Amino acid sequence: MASKPISTDRPSTAAIIAAVLLPPLGIYLMRGLTPPFWIGVALTCLGIVPGMIYALLVILANRDVETLTAS
């Protein structure tokens, strides 16, 4: 039985759940230690709701700067 490749087109269920429970973790699962992660940490320190909203926007937008600049 061959394993399915992980699709980068849509976010994983684990990343969405993590974005709701612990917003920086959700961003980390999708993007790693990039500037959006640190913005998410700062917003979560200000309050869970701003961090959660930002994390969901980052995860669901799923825009990668590298793919936007590559032609």
Foldseek 3Di string as FASTA:
>chain_A
DDDDDDDLPAFDPVLLVCLLVPNLVSCCVNPNPDVLSVVLVVLVVVHSVSSSVSSCCCRGVSDDPVVVPDD
